[in-house]
Protein backbone atom coordinates (compact mmCIF):
# COMPACT_ATOMS: atom_id res chain seq x y z
CA MET A 1 0.00 0.00 0.00
CA THR A 2 1.31 3.48 -0.81
CA LEU A 3 0.98 6.34 1.62
CA GLY A 4 1.10 9.98 0.67
CA LEU A 5 2.28 12.59 3.16
CA TRP A 6 1.87 16.22 2.27
CA LEU A 7 3.29 18.48 4.90
CA GLY A 8 1.40 21.78 4.73
CA ALA A 9 0.48 24.89 2.81
CA ALA A 10 2.86 27.80 2.56
CA THR A 11 1.98 31.05 4.27
CA GLY A 12 4.09 34.09 3.61
CA GLY A 13 6.57 31.90 1.74
CA CYS A 14 7.05 29.49 4.68
CA LEU A 15 5.89 25.90 4.77
CA GLU A 16 3.77 25.79 7.90
CA PRO A 17 2.66 22.62 9.67
CA ALA A 18 -0.85 23.66 10.66
CA ALA A 19 -2.67 22.80 13.85
CA PRO A 20 -5.10 19.86 13.84
CA GLY A 21 -8.23 20.79 11.94
CA ASP A 22 -6.50 23.31 9.65
CA ASP A 23 -7.67 22.36 6.17
CA GLY A 24 -4.64 24.03 4.63
CA SER A 25 -2.32 21.20 5.76
CA SER A 26 -4.57 18.29 6.60
CA LEU A 27 -3.92 14.91 5.08
CA ARG A 28 -6.52 13.73 2.63
CA ALA A 29 -7.19 10.38 1.02
CA GLU A 30 -7.07 10.76 -2.75
CA GLN A 31 -7.54 7.69 -4.93
CA GLY A 32 -6.37 5.47 -2.11
CA GLU A 33 -3.44 7.70 -1.13
CA ALA A 34 -3.04 10.34 1.58
CA ALA A 35 -1.46 13.46 0.13
CA LEU A 36 -0.28 16.95 0.95
CA ARG A 37 -0.10 19.84 -1.49
CA SER A 38 2.10 22.84 -0.77
CA ALA A 39 2.35 26.07 -2.74
CA GLY A 40 4.96 28.78 -2.47
CA THR A 41 4.33 32.49 -2.56
CA GLY A 42 7.54 33.75 -4.08
CA LYS A 43 9.80 34.02 -1.02
CA GLU A 44 11.94 31.04 -1.97
CA GLN A 45 14.63 31.86 0.61
CA CYS A 46 12.10 31.05 3.34
CA ALA A 47 10.71 27.81 1.95
CA PRO A 48 12.28 24.46 2.76
CA PRO A 49 13.90 22.64 -0.18
CA GLY A 50 11.26 20.67 -2.01
CA ALA A 51 8.39 22.96 -1.04
CA GLY A 52 5.65 22.89 -3.65
CA GLN A 53 6.48 19.33 -4.68
CA GLU A 54 4.30 16.33 -3.93
CA ARG A 55 6.05 13.65 -1.89
CA ALA A 56 4.83 10.08 -1.63
CA ALA A 57 5.14 8.98 1.99
CA THR A 58 5.91 5.32 1.86
CA LEU A 59 7.47 3.57 4.83
CA GLU A 60 10.81 4.50 3.30
CA ALA A 61 9.89 8.18 3.00
CA LEU A 62 8.66 8.38 6.59
CA ALA A 63 11.92 6.87 7.79
CA GLU A 64 14.03 9.26 5.75
CA ASN A 65 14.81 12.87 6.58
CA GLY A 66 12.23 15.52 5.71
CA ARG A 67 12.43 18.89 4.00
CA TYR A 68 14.19 20.83 6.74
CA GLY A 69 17.78 20.84 7.81
CA PHE A 70 18.59 20.27 11.47
CA ALA A 71 20.80 21.93 14.03
CA THR A 72 21.40 21.89 17.77
CA ARG A 73 21.96 24.29 20.65
CA ASP A 74 23.18 23.45 24.14
CA PHE A 75 21.93 24.89 27.43
CA VAL A 76 22.25 24.37 31.16
CA PHE A 77 18.92 24.74 32.94
CA VAL A 78 18.72 24.85 36.74
CA ASP A 79 15.50 24.08 38.60
CA ALA A 80 15.93 25.84 41.93
CA THR A 81 12.54 24.64 43.20
CA ARG A 82 13.41 20.94 43.48
CA PRO A 83 16.38 19.23 45.15
CA THR A 84 18.67 16.48 43.91
CA PRO A 85 18.68 13.70 46.53
CA GLU A 86 21.85 12.15 47.89
CA SER A 87 23.18 9.15 46.02
CA GLY A 88 26.14 7.02 47.00
CA THR A 89 29.02 9.36 47.78
CA PHE A 90 27.05 12.36 46.44
CA PRO A 91 25.59 14.38 49.34
CA GLY A 92 22.75 15.84 47.30
CA ALA A 93 22.02 19.41 46.21
CA PRO A 94 19.27 21.98 46.84
CA SER A 95 18.54 22.29 43.10
CA ARG A 96 18.54 20.17 39.94
CA THR A 97 21.07 21.05 37.25
CA LEU A 98 20.02 19.86 33.79
CA PRO A 99 22.43 20.22 30.87
CA ALA A 100 20.28 19.97 27.77
CA ARG A 101 20.62 19.74 24.02
CA VAL A 102 17.90 21.01 21.67
CA TRP A 103 17.46 19.73 18.11
CA TYR A 104 15.41 21.95 15.82
CA PRO A 105 14.46 22.49 12.16
CA ALA A 106 17.06 24.58 10.36
CA ARG A 107 16.42 26.74 7.35
CA HIS A 108 19.05 25.10 5.14
CA LEU A 109 19.74 21.43 4.54
CA THR A 110 22.96 20.13 6.09
CA ALA A 111 24.72 16.78 5.89
CA ALA A 112 25.51 16.95 9.61
CA SER A 113 24.56 19.18 12.50
CA PRO A 114 26.74 22.31 12.72
CA PRO A 115 28.41 22.97 16.09
CA PRO A 116 25.79 24.06 18.67
CA GLU A 117 27.58 27.36 19.33
CA GLU A 118 26.95 28.51 15.74
CA ARG A 119 23.26 29.19 16.51
CA VAL A 120 22.06 28.23 13.05
CA PRO A 121 18.83 30.10 12.22
CA VAL A 122 15.59 28.28 12.96
CA ALA A 123 13.57 27.34 9.89
CA CYS A 124 10.55 29.41 9.02
CA GLY A 125 7.22 27.63 8.98
CA GLY A 126 6.69 27.40 12.73
CA PRO A 127 5.52 27.23 15.35
CA PHE A 128 6.70 23.61 15.67
CA PRO A 129 5.58 20.91 18.09
CA LEU A 130 7.88 20.48 21.10
CA LEU A 131 9.11 17.06 22.23
CA ALA A 132 11.25 15.97 25.16
CA TYR A 133 13.48 12.89 25.07
CA ALA A 134 14.29 10.84 28.19
CA HIS A 135 17.55 8.89 28.11
CA GLY A 136 18.18 5.54 29.77
CA LEU A 137 20.18 4.50 32.82
CA SER A 138 23.93 5.20 32.53
CA SER A 139 23.45 6.92 29.17
CA LEU A 140 25.44 10.00 28.17
CA GLY A 141 22.56 11.28 26.09
CA ASP A 142 24.08 10.53 22.71
CA ASN A 143 21.39 8.12 21.52
CA ALA A 144 18.62 10.71 21.20
CA ARG A 145 20.09 11.98 17.96
CA PHE A 146 18.89 8.95 15.99
CA PHE A 147 15.32 10.18 16.50
CA ALA A 148 15.72 13.90 17.27
CA GLU A 149 17.65 14.70 14.07
CA HIS A 150 15.09 12.85 11.96
CA LEU A 151 12.15 14.57 13.66
CA ALA A 152 13.78 17.99 13.31
CA THR A 153 13.87 17.56 9.53
CA HIS A 154 10.13 16.92 9.66
CA GLY A 155 9.39 20.06 11.69
CA TYR A 156 9.74 19.07 15.37
CA ILE A 157 11.81 20.59 18.17
CA THR A 158 13.25 18.11 20.69
CA VAL A 159 14.97 18.83 24.01
CA GLU A 160 16.94 16.17 25.88
CA PRO A 161 18.09 16.88 29.44
CA LEU A 162 20.92 14.93 31.04
CA PHE A 163 19.26 13.68 34.21
CA PRO A 164 21.28 14.47 37.37
CA LEU A 165 21.53 10.99 38.88
CA SER A 166 20.82 8.45 36.13
CA ASN A 167 23.32 9.59 33.48
CA GLY A 168 26.57 7.71 32.96
CA ASN A 169 28.66 10.37 34.70
CA ALA A 170 26.31 10.95 37.63
CA PRO A 171 28.04 11.81 40.92
CA GLY A 172 28.02 8.74 43.13
CA GLY A 173 27.31 6.57 40.08
CA PRO A 174 24.10 6.25 38.05
CA THR A 175 21.04 5.17 40.02
CA ILE A 176 17.56 4.08 39.01
CA GLY A 177 16.17 5.56 42.21
CA ASP A 178 15.83 9.10 40.84
CA VAL A 179 13.60 8.11 37.90
CA PRO A 180 10.39 9.23 39.69
CA ASN A 181 11.83 12.77 39.72
CA GLN A 182 12.61 12.78 36.01
CA ALA A 183 9.10 13.41 34.69
CA ALA A 184 9.22 16.84 36.34
CA ASP A 185 12.65 17.39 34.77
CA LEU A 186 11.12 16.89 31.32
CA SER A 187 8.32 19.33 32.11
CA PHE A 188 10.80 21.91 33.40
CA VAL A 189 13.12 21.87 30.38
CA MET A 190 10.17 22.05 27.98
CA ARG A 191 8.99 25.20 29.73
CA ARG A 192 12.46 26.69 29.63
CA VAL A 193 12.86 26.06 25.90
CA ALA A 194 9.52 27.73 25.21
CA GLU A 195 10.65 30.73 27.31
CA LEU A 196 14.04 31.25 25.61
CA ASP A 197 14.85 34.86 24.82
CA GLY A 198 17.83 37.02 23.98
CA ALA A 199 20.16 35.35 21.49
CA ASP A 200 17.89 32.29 21.49
CA ALA A 201 14.59 34.12 21.14
CA ASP A 202 14.10 32.71 17.64
CA LEU A 203 14.11 29.20 19.08
CA GLY A 204 11.70 30.03 21.89
CA GLU A 205 9.34 31.75 19.48
CA ALA A 206 9.39 28.71 17.18
CA VAL A 207 7.82 26.48 19.86
CA ASP A 208 4.14 25.66 19.69
CA PRO A 209 3.15 25.45 23.39
CA GLU A 210 -0.12 23.71 22.52
CA ARG A 211 1.49 20.67 20.84
CA ARG A 212 3.82 18.77 23.18
CA GLY A 213 4.95 15.17 23.38
CA LEU A 214 7.49 12.87 25.02
CA MET A 215 9.69 9.99 23.93
CA GLY A 216 12.27 7.90 25.72
CA LEU A 217 14.23 4.66 25.75
CA SER A 218 14.60 1.99 28.44
CA ALA A 219 14.60 3.73 31.85
CA GLY A 220 13.74 6.81 29.81
CA GLY A 221 10.76 4.88 28.46
CA LEU A 222 9.76 4.25 32.08
CA THR A 223 10.09 7.99 32.72
CA VAL A 224 7.78 8.63 29.77
CA LEU A 225 5.15 6.16 31.03
CA LEU A 226 5.20 7.78 34.48
CA ALA A 227 4.91 11.24 32.91
CA ALA A 228 2.01 10.02 30.78
CA TYR A 229 -0.05 8.03 33.27
CA HIS A 230 1.05 8.18 36.90
CA PRO A 231 -1.65 9.87 39.05
CA VAL A 232 0.94 12.02 40.88
CA LEU A 233 3.94 12.25 38.51
CA LYS A 234 2.13 12.80 35.20
CA ILE A 235 2.66 15.96 33.14
CA GLY A 236 -0.73 17.56 32.65
CA ASP A 237 -0.27 19.38 29.35
CA ILE A 238 1.23 16.78 27.03
CA GLN A 239 -0.74 15.24 24.21
CA SER A 240 1.29 12.23 23.08
CA VAL A 241 4.09 9.83 24.07
CA VAL A 242 6.39 7.23 22.52
CA ALA A 243 8.05 4.70 24.85
CA MET A 244 10.84 2.62 23.32
CA ALA A 245 11.71 -0.62 25.14
CA PRO A 246 10.27 0.84 28.35
CA LEU A 247 11.44 -0.66 31.63
CA SER A 248 7.92 -1.47 32.74
CA CYS A 249 7.36 -5.06 33.90
CA PHE A 250 6.82 -3.86 37.50
CA LEU A 251 4.29 -1.12 36.74
CA GLY A 252 0.94 -1.99 38.25
CA ALA A 253 -2.42 -1.25 36.68
CA ALA A 254 -3.04 1.50 39.26
CA ILE A 255 -0.62 3.93 37.62
CA TYR A 256 -2.55 4.14 34.35
CA SER A 257 -4.79 7.00 35.38
CA ARG A 258 -5.81 8.63 32.08
CA PRO A 259 -6.09 7.97 28.35
CA LEU A 260 -3.34 9.48 26.22
CA PRO A 261 -2.23 8.65 22.67
CA ALA A 262 0.75 6.32 23.21
CA LEU A 263 3.05 4.26 21.03
CA ILE A 264 5.15 1.48 22.58
CA LEU A 265 8.03 0.10 20.52
CA ALA A 266 9.80 -3.10 21.58
CA GLY A 267 12.13 -5.73 20.16
CA THR A 268 11.30 -9.39 20.68
CA SER A 269 15.02 -10.23 21.16
CA ASP A 270 15.64 -7.49 23.74
CA GLU A 271 17.83 -8.93 26.51
CA LEU A 272 17.75 -5.83 28.75
CA VAL A 273 13.99 -5.22 28.66
CA PRO A 274 12.34 -8.53 27.69
CA ILE A 275 9.19 -8.24 25.59
CA PRO A 276 6.75 -9.26 28.39
CA GLY A 277 7.32 -5.88 30.09
CA PRO A 278 6.21 -3.72 27.13
CA ARG A 279 3.35 -6.14 26.51
CA LYS A 280 2.18 -5.68 30.10
CA ALA A 281 2.31 -1.88 29.69
CA PHE A 282 0.21 -2.16 26.52
CA GLU A 283 -2.35 -4.37 28.26
CA ASN A 284 -2.73 -2.02 31.23
CA ALA A 285 -2.66 1.31 29.39
CA PRO A 286 -6.04 2.74 28.42
CA ALA A 287 -6.83 3.35 24.76
CA PRO A 288 -5.60 4.84 22.54
CA VAL A 289 -2.35 2.87 22.64
CA THR A 290 -0.38 0.94 20.03
CA LEU A 291 2.31 -1.69 20.52
CA VAL A 292 4.72 -2.32 17.64
CA GLU A 293 6.83 -5.43 18.20
CA LEU A 294 9.95 -5.61 16.04
CA THR A 295 10.63 -9.29 15.43
CA GLY A 296 14.22 -10.10 16.35
CA GLY A 297 14.81 -6.48 17.35
CA THR A 298 17.09 -5.61 20.27
CA HIS A 299 17.63 -2.96 22.92
CA SER A 300 20.85 -1.95 21.18
CA GLY A 301 19.05 -1.45 17.89
CA PHE A 302 17.21 1.61 19.24
CA MET A 303 20.67 3.10 19.88
CA GLY A 304 21.99 2.29 16.43
CA ARG A 305 24.38 -0.31 17.84
CA GLU A 306 25.18 -3.57 16.15
CA THR A 307 28.29 -5.70 16.71
CA PRO A 308 29.28 -8.24 14.05
CA PHE A 309 30.05 -11.86 14.87
CA VAL A 310 28.00 -11.96 18.08
CA GLU A 311 24.62 -13.62 18.47
CA ASN A 312 23.05 -10.54 20.06
CA THR A 313 24.61 -7.12 20.58
CA ASP A 314 22.53 -6.81 23.74
CA THR A 315 24.76 -9.40 25.43
CA LEU A 316 27.63 -6.90 25.24
CA GLU A 317 25.36 -4.11 26.46
CA CYS A 318 24.37 -6.32 29.39
CA THR A 319 28.00 -6.77 30.38
CA ARG A 320 28.55 -3.03 30.33
CA LEU A 321 25.36 -2.21 32.21
CA LEU A 322 25.82 -4.86 34.89
CA SER A 323 29.25 -3.41 35.66
CA THR A 324 27.59 -0.15 36.73
CA GLY A 325 25.44 -1.73 39.45
CA PRO A 326 22.07 -1.09 37.80
CA GLY A 327 20.09 -2.33 40.80
CA ARG A 328 21.18 0.62 42.95
CA GLY A 329 18.20 2.70 43.96
CA GLY A 330 15.59 0.01 43.43
CA ALA A 331 13.91 0.67 46.76
CA ALA A 332 13.73 4.42 46.05
CA LEU A 333 12.26 3.68 42.63
CA ALA A 334 9.53 1.51 44.09
CA ALA A 335 8.77 4.07 46.82
CA GLY A 336 8.49 6.89 44.27
CA ILE A 337 6.10 4.90 42.09
CA ILE A 338 3.94 3.83 45.03
CA ASN A 339 3.85 7.32 46.59
CA GLY A 340 0.36 8.81 46.36
CA VAL A 341 -1.06 5.75 44.61
CA GLY A 342 -0.63 2.75 46.89
CA PRO A 343 0.89 -0.72 46.53
CA GLY A 344 -1.12 -1.42 43.38
CA ALA A 345 1.24 0.90 41.50
CA PHE A 346 4.21 -1.44 41.84
CA ASP A 347 3.73 -5.06 40.77
CA PRO A 348 6.99 -6.92 40.00
CA ALA A 349 5.28 -10.28 39.54
CA GLY A 350 6.52 -11.78 36.31
CA CYS A 351 9.67 -9.65 36.05
CA THR A 352 12.84 -11.57 35.23
CA PRO A 353 16.33 -10.67 36.52
CA LEU A 354 18.15 -8.15 34.34
CA CYS A 355 19.98 -9.74 31.41
CA SER A 356 19.12 -13.26 32.56
CA GLN A 357 17.76 -14.43 29.20
CA ARG A 358 19.49 -14.86 25.85
CA HIS A 359 17.78 -14.38 22.50
CA PRO A 360 19.13 -14.59 18.94
CA GLN A 361 19.19 -11.24 17.15
CA ALA A 362 17.34 -11.37 13.84
CA MET A 363 17.02 -7.65 12.99
CA GLY A 364 19.89 -5.32 12.19
CA ALA A 365 20.17 -1.89 13.79
CA THR A 366 19.66 -0.09 10.48
CA ARG A 367 16.39 -1.91 9.84
CA GLN A 368 15.24 -1.39 13.42
CA LEU A 369 15.88 2.35 13.31
CA LYS A 370 14.09 2.62 9.98
CA LEU A 371 10.93 1.01 11.33
CA ALA A 372 11.12 2.83 14.68
CA ARG A 373 11.63 6.25 13.11
CA ALA A 374 8.78 5.77 10.66
CA ALA A 375 6.39 4.63 13.40
CA THR A 376 7.44 7.45 15.75
CA LEU A 377 6.97 10.15 13.12
CA ALA A 378 3.60 8.73 12.03
CA HIS A 379 2.42 8.63 15.65
CA PHE A 380 3.32 12.26 16.32
CA GLU A 381 1.90 13.35 12.96
CA GLU A 382 -1.45 11.90 14.00
CA SER A 383 -1.52 12.91 17.67
CA LEU A 384 0.10 16.36 17.42
CA ARG A 385 -0.82 17.45 13.90
CA GLY A 386 -4.07 15.61 13.26
CA HIS A 387 -2.73 13.65 10.27
CA GLU A 388 -4.61 10.47 11.07
CA GLU A 389 -4.29 8.91 7.63
CA VAL A 390 -0.51 8.69 7.88
CA SER A 391 -0.54 6.73 11.13
CA HIS A 392 -3.48 4.50 10.25
CA LEU A 393 -2.13 3.52 6.85
CA LEU A 394 1.43 3.01 8.09
CA LEU A 395 0.24 0.75 10.91
CA ARG A 396 -1.85 -1.17 8.41
CA ASP A 397 1.22 -1.64 6.22
CA LEU A 398 3.31 -2.73 9.19
CA ALA A 399 0.63 -5.22 10.20
CA ASN A 400 -0.09 -6.63 6.74
CA GLU A 401 3.00 -6.20 4.59
CA VAL A 402 6.04 -6.00 6.86
CA GLU A 403 7.05 -9.46 8.00
CA ASP A 404 9.35 -8.35 10.82
CA ALA A 405 6.82 -6.17 12.65
CA HIS A 406 3.71 -7.08 14.63
CA VAL A 407 1.13 -4.43 15.54
CA LEU A 408 -1.42 -4.42 18.35
CA THR A 409 -3.77 -1.46 18.76
CA LYS A 410 -6.41 -0.36 21.25
CA ARG A 411 -8.51 2.59 20.09
């Protein structure tokens, strides 16, 4: 089946992704295809390359970069209203310091992101939806780029904070115990990006405060689920989430307190977050929620990692992760999830010990990223831009024509 994605009508020479319901950029089914028509108004210097041309949005097109370039800027945000708890040899701090990188649509196409200090001009055509990415335990934040760069070229702004106590260089060593505090970190940095002024005023002004979503991997996927559903920890003004290989086997049904458009991506050969955990999250989450299982996919594949001549790259990742003492903070994690909800929020029945199972890898990282990027973009196009045809038809293709993906949906 062929999909057609047409990204918006030009206003004042700028290709503008319109808000849901705006007929100027809505997706329409035409002769079995969804399509978008864009027309310039003469100010070519303001229009993204390819504006005014029809683009067929097959699975391949959704996985490829869009019409915009992409660039980054780095910031250090400090939340003085919330403390950082003690952890190991770290005595704690009265505030939370959050180094953050922002990916955004750039006016000109680039083969690679220019240095953040260059402050490349933001593309015209905004305001753009704002996303926040949550990294996993012991991560240095470098894996977000596989999704944030791609989304920036399709007209999304993404901010990724480096969480104070779960990143790979955390004082006292990375701990899972601070994850319940990370949903508020995401909310804080999103507000700060929208409030940017001075030399970064163009970036702040490019944010659409009414269209906001989250995505995250592993422990970051857990952060996203807590921010989406937890009765106490949830972020009230987000509209959509994507959780990749979310650490979730212990989440009880009591945390799923509201419906929210959600996409869960998981690999069936994941050795760090076995597939029963994401399946349990899908079963407990209220509609609308979609689970895309990537047959033979791994945890490492979401990070673009693949090692030749090993049965599963995750086995190497397990060795690295286990050396960091990943169980530290487990009691604090459970207490934070239960707080304000009760014991029904934490249900570890059925969880297996970390990295205790071995699975053969059957999907390469390139293929896994292709499918994951296409599904993520289609999900946000539907939930943040109202382009329902793109998501529905892509999921239908994944279910019916893609042999290495399995789709479950509750609507």
